[in-house]
Amino acid sequence: MPGPAMIYASAQTLARGRRAGFMAALGIHLGGYVHVGAAALGLAAIFQYVPAAYAALKFAGAAYLVWLGISILRTRPSLSGVPQAALRSARRAFFESVAVEVLNPKTALFFIAFLPQFVEPGAGLAVAVQFLILGTVVNLTFSSADLVVVFLASSIMARLRRGNAAGRWIKIAGGSLLVGLGLRLAMMRD
């Protein structure tokens, strides 16, 4: 089952094109390093002990995803059938993706729950360095899956674009995926 980052990258690809999908995957990747760094510094543990902080970040992230989805749904297709959001710049997809990943408390909890299982306090490397190395490996692995999703969504989009009303449906699919992802995040029990 695809994770939120994979769904987000595919939604950006469908709504804004392949270049935006790649920039979204890059933004998710770089945003993941915020969580890797936080785990290395022990900051992510705050979410385990302060549920209100976790809930606040979760709802902020969910609201942001819904807002992004609605923004995409409100754009008008250009004459080429590509939504105007794609024509503006993939740079926007990058910055939005960094924010989406940083505002994802589940990523922080994943790194704080998963990485310590593989850290050896008595090893020759400091614990924080081990966290950084392991987090980098995990983040690169996740990002490679996101890139595969961008390629797949892009090829699906190219096939759909051959139809007359495809631009409209691609925009609706991308925006709806983001709204649905935001609502799912808000409704999830922790």
Protein backbone atom coordinates (compact mmCIF):
# COMPACT_ATOMS: atom_id res chain seq x y z
CA MET A 1 0.00 0.00 0.00
CA PRO A 2 1.49 3.34 -0.95
CA GLY A 3 2.38 5.75 1.80
CA PRO A 4 1.39 9.41 1.97
CA ALA A 5 4.59 10.58 0.28
CA MET A 6 4.00 8.27 -2.69
CA ILE A 7 0.41 9.43 -3.02
CA TYR A 8 1.50 13.05 -2.71
CA ALA A 9 4.22 12.68 -5.38
CA SER A 10 1.78 11.01 -7.77
CA ALA A 11 -0.85 13.71 -7.13
CA GLN A 12 1.68 16.45 -7.90
CA THR A 13 2.70 14.61 -11.06
CA LEU A 14 -0.91 14.23 -12.20
CA ALA A 15 -1.80 17.83 -11.38
CA ARG A 16 1.35 19.64 -12.46
CA GLY A 17 3.38 17.31 -14.68
CA ARG A 18 6.50 15.14 -14.46
CA ARG A 19 8.93 17.93 -13.58
CA ALA A 20 6.72 18.99 -10.66
CA GLY A 21 6.50 15.35 -9.58
CA PHE A 22 10.28 15.09 -9.48
CA MET A 23 10.52 18.35 -7.56
CA ALA A 24 7.87 17.08 -5.14
CA ALA A 25 9.88 13.89 -4.59
CA LEU A 26 13.00 16.00 -3.98
CA GLY A 27 11.11 18.22 -1.53
CA ILE A 28 9.79 15.17 0.34
CA HIS A 29 13.31 13.77 0.43
CA LEU A 30 14.88 16.95 1.82
CA GLY A 31 11.99 17.43 4.26
CA GLY A 32 12.69 13.92 5.53
CA TYR A 33 16.12 15.06 6.67
CA VAL A 34 14.46 17.46 9.11
CA HIS A 35 12.98 14.39 10.80
CA VAL A 36 16.26 12.46 10.59
CA GLY A 37 18.03 15.37 12.28
CA ALA A 38 15.30 15.69 14.89
CA ALA A 39 15.54 11.98 15.67
CA ALA A 40 19.33 12.23 15.94
CA LEU A 41 18.94 15.10 18.39
CA GLY A 42 16.14 13.35 20.29
CA LEU A 43 13.60 16.06 19.45
CA ALA A 44 11.13 13.66 17.86
CA ALA A 45 10.62 12.05 21.27
CA ILE A 46 8.58 15.12 22.21
CA PHE A 47 5.71 13.72 20.14
CA GLN A 48 5.69 10.58 22.27
CA TYR A 49 5.42 12.53 25.52
CA VAL A 50 3.39 15.58 24.45
CA PRO A 51 0.34 14.34 22.54
CA ALA A 52 -0.95 17.88 22.02
CA ALA A 53 2.18 18.77 20.03
CA TYR A 54 1.67 15.70 17.85
CA ALA A 55 -2.02 16.53 17.31
CA ALA A 56 -1.26 20.17 16.45
CA LEU A 57 1.34 19.19 13.86
CA LYS A 58 -0.94 16.48 12.45
CA PHE A 59 -3.87 18.86 11.94
CA ALA A 60 -1.63 21.60 10.52
CA GLY A 61 -0.27 19.11 7.98
CA ALA A 62 -3.76 17.82 7.14
CA ALA A 63 -5.11 21.36 6.64
CA TYR A 64 -2.16 22.22 4.41
CA LEU A 65 -2.76 19.16 2.21
CA VAL A 66 -6.47 20.00 1.85
CA TRP A 67 -5.60 23.60 0.99
CA LEU A 68 -3.10 22.44 -1.67
CA GLY A 69 -5.67 20.08 -3.17
CA ILE A 70 -8.34 22.77 -3.33
CA SER A 71 -5.82 25.17 -4.89
CA ILE A 72 -5.12 22.65 -7.65
CA LEU A 73 -8.81 22.00 -8.19
CA ARG A 74 -9.45 25.73 -8.58
CA THR A 75 -6.81 26.25 -11.32
CA ARG A 76 -7.97 26.50 -14.91
CA PRO A 77 -6.46 24.30 -17.61
CA SER A 78 -4.48 26.07 -20.29
CA LEU A 79 -5.04 25.53 -24.00
CA SER A 80 -2.60 22.61 -23.91
CA GLY A 81 -4.74 20.82 -21.31
CA VAL A 82 -2.04 21.17 -18.66
CA PRO A 83 -3.25 22.95 -15.52
CA GLN A 84 -1.86 26.46 -15.11
CA ALA A 85 -0.27 25.35 -11.82
CA ALA A 86 2.09 23.17 -13.87
CA LEU A 87 2.98 26.07 -16.10
CA ARG A 88 3.86 28.37 -13.20
CA SER A 89 6.80 26.43 -11.87
CA ALA A 90 7.84 23.13 -10.42
CA ARG A 91 9.68 25.19 -7.83
CA ARG A 92 6.39 25.71 -6.03
CA ALA A 93 5.84 21.93 -5.89
CA PHE A 94 9.28 21.60 -4.31
CA PHE A 95 8.65 24.11 -1.52
CA GLU A 96 5.15 22.79 -0.86
CA SER A 97 6.54 19.26 -0.63
CA VAL A 98 9.19 20.24 1.89
CA ALA A 99 6.46 21.80 4.03
CA VAL A 100 4.19 18.75 3.66
CA GLU A 101 6.96 16.41 4.80
CA VAL A 102 8.12 18.62 7.69
CA LEU A 103 4.49 18.91 8.89
CA ASN A 104 4.05 15.12 8.86
CA PRO A 105 4.27 13.93 12.48
CA LYS A 106 4.05 10.29 11.42
CA THR A 107 7.43 10.64 9.73
CA ALA A 108 8.92 11.93 12.96
CA LEU A 109 7.40 9.06 14.92
CA PHE A 110 8.60 6.55 12.33
CA PHE A 111 12.20 7.70 12.67
CA ILE A 112 12.08 7.80 16.47
CA ALA A 113 10.45 4.34 16.64
CA PHE A 114 12.32 2.57 13.84
CA LEU A 115 15.90 3.85 13.93
CA PRO A 116 16.71 3.14 17.61
CA GLN A 117 16.29 -0.59 16.94
CA PHE A 118 19.44 -0.45 14.82
CA VAL A 119 21.54 1.92 16.91
CA GLU A 120 24.26 0.41 19.06
CA PRO A 121 25.26 2.75 21.92
CA GLY A 122 28.54 0.88 22.47
CA ALA A 123 29.62 1.08 18.84
CA GLY A 124 32.57 3.15 17.66
CA LEU A 125 30.28 5.86 16.26
CA ALA A 126 28.32 8.31 18.36
CA VAL A 127 24.60 7.54 18.65
CA ALA A 128 23.67 10.76 16.80
CA VAL A 129 25.98 9.84 13.90
CA GLN A 130 24.41 6.37 13.73
CA PHE A 131 20.97 7.98 13.60
CA LEU A 132 22.09 10.25 10.75
CA ILE A 133 23.58 7.39 8.73
CA LEU A 134 20.60 5.08 9.21
CA GLY A 135 18.14 7.90 8.58
CA THR A 136 19.91 8.82 5.36
CA VAL A 137 19.76 5.21 4.11
CA VAL A 138 16.04 4.95 4.95
CA ASN A 139 15.29 8.35 3.39
CA LEU A 140 17.12 7.41 0.17
CA THR A 141 15.18 4.14 0.01
CA PHE A 142 11.84 5.91 0.44
CA SER A 143 12.81 8.55 -2.14
CA SER A 144 13.64 5.91 -4.74
CA ALA A 145 10.10 4.54 -4.35
CA ASP A 146 8.72 8.07 -4.76
CA LEU A 147 10.66 8.47 -8.02
CA VAL A 148 9.20 5.22 -9.37
CA VAL A 149 5.72 6.54 -8.57
CA VAL A 150 6.47 9.79 -10.42
CA PHE A 151 7.54 7.83 -13.52
CA LEU A 152 4.41 5.65 -13.37
CA ALA A 153 2.04 8.59 -12.81
CA SER A 154 3.75 10.50 -15.62
CA SER A 155 3.30 7.65 -18.07
CA ILE A 156 -0.36 7.26 -17.07
CA MET A 157 -0.80 11.00 -17.48
CA ALA A 158 0.75 10.92 -20.98
CA ARG A 159 -1.72 8.23 -22.04
CA LEU A 160 -4.68 10.07 -20.54
CA ARG A 161 -3.68 13.34 -22.15
CA ARG A 162 -4.37 11.88 -25.58
CA GLY A 163 -8.09 12.37 -24.90
CA ASN A 164 -9.89 15.71 -25.21
CA ALA A 165 -11.03 16.21 -21.61
CA ALA A 166 -7.97 14.56 -20.08
CA GLY A 167 -6.43 17.78 -18.70
CA ARG A 168 -9.52 18.43 -16.63
CA TRP A 169 -9.64 14.88 -15.28
CA ILE A 170 -5.92 14.83 -14.50
CA LYS A 171 -6.31 18.06 -12.51
CA ILE A 172 -9.33 16.67 -10.66
CA ALA A 173 -7.50 13.44 -9.85
CA GLY A 174 -4.41 15.24 -8.53
CA GLY A 175 -6.35 17.76 -6.45
CA SER A 176 -8.73 15.12 -5.11
CA LEU A 177 -5.83 12.89 -4.06
CA LEU A 178 -4.37 15.74 -2.00
CA VAL A 179 -7.70 16.63 -0.39
CA GLY A 180 -8.33 12.94 0.38
CA LEU A 181 -4.85 12.52 1.82
CA GLY A 182 -5.34 15.55 4.06
CA LEU A 183 -8.74 14.31 5.27
CA ARG A 184 -7.33 10.82 5.87
CA LEU A 185 -4.50 12.27 7.94
CA ALA A 186 -6.93 14.37 9.99
CA MET A 187 -9.28 11.43 10.65
CA MET A 188 -6.63 8.82 11.50
CA ARG A 189 -6.52 7.57 15.04
CA ASP A 190 -3.05 7.53 16.46
